N, C-alpha and C. Protein backbone atom coordinates (compact mmCIF):
# COMPACT_ATOMS: atom_id res chain seq x y z
N PRO A 1 36.69 -25.20 20.08
CA PRO A 1 38.51 -25.77 19.71
C PRO A 1 39.33 -24.79 21.74
N ALA A 2 39.66 -25.57 21.54
CA ALA A 2 41.02 -25.16 22.89
C ALA A 2 41.47 -23.53 22.71
N GLY A 3 41.35 -22.80 23.63
CA GLY A 3 41.58 -21.34 23.58
C GLY A 3 40.89 -20.46 23.18
N ARG A 4 39.44 -20.99 23.09
CA ARG A 4 38.21 -19.55 22.57
C ARG A 4 37.75 -19.40 23.75
N LEU A 5 36.94 -18.28 24.13
CA LEU A 5 36.50 -18.02 25.02
C LEU A 5 35.15 -17.39 24.73
N VAL A 6 33.90 -17.83 25.04
CA VAL A 6 32.40 -17.66 24.94
C VAL A 6 32.02 -16.83 26.03
N VAL A 7 31.10 -16.14 25.54
CA VAL A 7 30.52 -15.09 26.81
C VAL A 7 29.36 -15.26 26.75
N HIS A 8 28.38 -15.74 27.67
CA HIS A 8 27.19 -15.58 27.65
C HIS A 8 26.45 -14.56 28.77
N TYR A 9 25.43 -14.08 28.35
CA TYR A 9 24.78 -12.85 29.33
C TYR A 9 23.61 -13.47 29.65
N CYS A 10 23.40 -13.43 30.71
CA CYS A 10 22.14 -14.12 31.46
C CYS A 10 21.23 -13.10 32.35
N GLY A 11 20.43 -13.38 33.05
CA GLY A 11 20.04 -12.85 34.44
C GLY A 11 20.62 -13.84 35.32
N HIS A 12 20.87 -12.82 36.62
CA HIS A 12 21.26 -13.97 37.63
C HIS A 12 20.36 -15.22 38.39
N PHE A 13 19.30 -14.85 38.15
CA PHE A 13 18.25 -15.91 38.43
C PHE A 13 18.93 -17.39 37.63
N HIS A 14 19.52 -17.15 36.37
CA HIS A 14 20.02 -18.16 35.21
C HIS A 14 21.27 -18.94 35.77
N SER A 15 22.12 -18.34 36.60
CA SER A 15 23.19 -18.59 36.58
C SER A 15 23.49 -18.13 38.29
N ASP A 16 23.32 -17.24 39.18
CA ASP A 16 24.19 -17.29 40.66
C ASP A 16 23.94 -18.80 41.06
N PHE A 17 25.11 -19.06 41.76
CA PHE A 17 25.37 -20.58 42.43
C PHE A 17 25.29 -21.52 41.71
N GLY A 18 25.29 -21.38 40.41
CA GLY A 18 25.88 -21.96 39.63
C GLY A 18 24.78 -23.02 39.26
N LEU A 19 23.74 -22.65 39.41
CA LEU A 19 22.46 -23.37 39.10
C LEU A 19 21.47 -22.66 37.42
N GLY A 20 20.57 -23.09 37.41
CA GLY A 20 20.28 -22.72 36.08
C GLY A 20 21.05 -23.53 34.85
N THR A 21 21.31 -22.14 33.96
CA THR A 21 21.83 -22.40 32.49
C THR A 21 23.55 -22.90 32.91
N VAL A 22 24.01 -22.20 33.88
CA VAL A 22 25.48 -22.78 34.21
C VAL A 22 25.09 -24.41 34.55
N LYS A 23 24.49 -24.96 35.56
CA LYS A 23 24.14 -26.10 35.94
C LYS A 23 24.06 -27.14 34.76
N HIS A 24 23.50 -26.81 33.77
CA HIS A 24 22.96 -27.41 32.44
C HIS A 24 24.18 -27.44 32.06
N LEU A 25 25.17 -26.41 31.86
CA LEU A 25 26.07 -26.65 30.49
C LEU A 25 27.48 -27.29 31.58
N ARG A 26 27.58 -27.06 32.65
CA ARG A 26 28.34 -28.25 33.24
C ARG A 26 28.48 -29.44 33.29
N ARG A 27 26.80 -29.78 33.32
CA ARG A 27 26.62 -31.18 33.05
C ARG A 27 26.76 -31.79 31.90
N ARG A 28 26.65 -30.97 30.44
CA ARG A 28 26.76 -31.54 29.25
C ARG A 28 28.26 -31.56 28.92
N GLN A 29 29.21 -30.37 29.42
CA GLN A 29 30.68 -29.96 29.37
C GLN A 29 31.25 -30.08 30.81
N PRO A 30 31.52 -31.14 31.49
CA PRO A 30 32.33 -30.82 32.74
C PRO A 30 33.69 -30.01 32.54
N TRP A 31 34.30 -30.34 31.36
CA TRP A 31 35.61 -30.07 31.25
C TRP A 31 35.96 -28.73 31.23
N LEU A 32 34.75 -27.88 30.56
CA LEU A 32 35.13 -26.71 30.81
C LEU A 32 34.91 -25.79 31.77
N LYS A 33 36.14 -24.74 31.72
CA LYS A 33 36.38 -23.50 32.59
C LYS A 33 35.12 -22.46 32.65
N VAL A 34 34.55 -22.64 33.78
CA VAL A 34 33.30 -21.65 33.67
C VAL A 34 33.75 -20.40 34.89
N GLY A 35 33.82 -19.26 34.22
CA GLY A 35 33.34 -18.36 35.39
C GLY A 35 32.30 -17.45 35.48
N LEU A 36 32.08 -17.33 36.38
CA LEU A 36 30.55 -16.64 37.07
C LEU A 36 30.83 -15.13 37.62
N VAL A 37 30.22 -14.12 36.94
CA VAL A 37 30.07 -13.05 37.21
C VAL A 37 28.55 -12.84 37.55
N THR A 38 28.29 -12.07 38.56
CA THR A 38 27.13 -11.31 39.36
C THR A 38 27.35 -9.90 39.07
N THR A 39 26.07 -9.46 38.83
CA THR A 39 26.01 -8.17 39.07
C THR A 39 24.69 -7.74 39.93
N ARG A 40 25.10 -6.55 40.80
CA ARG A 40 24.04 -6.29 41.62
C ARG A 40 23.97 -4.45 41.72
N SER A 41 23.00 -3.85 41.45
CA SER A 41 22.62 -2.49 41.89
C SER A 41 22.09 -1.98 43.00
N GLY A 42 22.49 -0.84 43.77
CA GLY A 42 22.10 -0.26 44.60
C GLY A 42 23.01 0.33 45.49
N ALA A 43 22.95 0.74 46.68
CA ALA A 43 23.85 1.50 47.43
C ALA A 43 24.92 0.71 48.57
N ARG A 44 25.21 -0.64 48.20
CA ARG A 44 25.73 -0.88 48.49
C ARG A 44 27.71 -0.21 48.25
N SER A 45 28.30 -0.62 49.44
CA SER A 45 29.65 -0.63 48.45
C SER A 45 30.35 -1.59 49.05
N PRO A 46 31.45 -1.80 48.08
CA PRO A 46 32.30 -3.02 48.28
C PRO A 46 32.56 -3.67 49.35
N GLN A 47 32.67 -2.97 50.09
CA GLN A 47 32.64 -3.40 51.25
C GLN A 47 32.20 -4.37 51.83
N ARG A 48 30.70 -4.03 51.53
CA ARG A 48 29.26 -4.70 52.33
C ARG A 48 28.82 -5.68 51.47
N ILE A 49 29.72 -6.50 51.33
CA ILE A 49 28.96 -8.01 49.81
C ILE A 49 28.73 -8.75 51.05
N ASP A 50 27.51 -9.18 51.57
CA ASP A 50 27.40 -10.22 52.46
C ASP A 50 27.66 -11.64 52.09
N SER A 51 27.75 -12.45 53.05
CA SER A 51 28.18 -13.77 52.61
C SER A 51 27.84 -14.68 51.59
N GLU A 52 26.57 -14.69 51.58
CA GLU A 52 25.44 -15.15 50.68
C GLU A 52 25.78 -14.65 49.53
N LEU A 53 26.10 -13.08 48.94
CA LEU A 53 25.99 -12.56 47.84
C LEU A 53 27.68 -12.91 47.57
N ALA A 54 28.58 -13.22 48.35
CA ALA A 54 29.92 -13.37 48.05
C ALA A 54 30.08 -14.89 47.35
N ARG A 55 28.90 -15.69 47.60
CA ARG A 55 28.94 -17.10 47.25
C ARG A 55 27.98 -17.32 45.90
N ALA A 56 27.66 -16.57 45.48
CA ALA A 56 26.61 -16.32 44.19
C ALA A 56 27.25 -16.47 42.89
N ALA A 57 28.65 -16.16 43.21
CA ALA A 57 29.39 -16.12 41.59
C ALA A 57 31.07 -15.93 42.06
N ASP A 58 32.19 -16.26 41.11
CA ASP A 58 32.98 -16.18 41.51
C ASP A 58 33.61 -14.24 41.35
N TYR A 59 32.63 -13.48 40.61
CA TYR A 59 33.19 -12.36 40.93
C TYR A 59 31.65 -11.46 40.60
N VAL A 60 31.76 -10.78 41.51
CA VAL A 60 30.38 -9.46 41.85
C VAL A 60 30.69 -8.50 41.79
N TRP A 61 30.17 -7.63 40.80
CA TRP A 61 30.30 -6.64 40.48
C TRP A 61 29.08 -5.66 40.96
N LEU A 62 29.36 -4.70 41.85
CA LEU A 62 28.43 -3.54 42.65
C LEU A 62 28.16 -2.52 41.24
N VAL A 63 27.15 -2.09 40.97
CA VAL A 63 26.75 -0.88 40.29
C VAL A 63 25.86 -0.22 41.16
N ARG A 64 26.25 1.04 41.33
CA ARG A 64 25.87 2.05 41.69
C ARG A 64 24.44 2.62 40.92
N GLU A 65 23.58 2.74 41.97
CA GLU A 65 22.01 3.08 41.32
C GLU A 65 22.22 5.15 41.15
N GLN A 66 21.51 5.05 39.95
CA GLN A 66 21.82 6.65 39.65
C GLN A 66 20.70 7.18 40.05
C-alpha cells in the first residue's frame, strides 16, 4: 500500500550497483521507489570515497574499524 516503508537488509554483493536482489525487485515492481545504502569498513575517511564506490549506491556509510 502507498505510504509504506520496507527495509531489506542484505550483503552488499546482493545490492550494490542495483544488481542482485535490487535488480529482481525492480524487474517485478518497477514503480517502487528504491534507495540503496551500502556500508564499508576500514581506514577510509568520508572524503576518500572513490568514484566506483560512489556509484555503488545512493548512500555510502563508512564505518571505522575498531
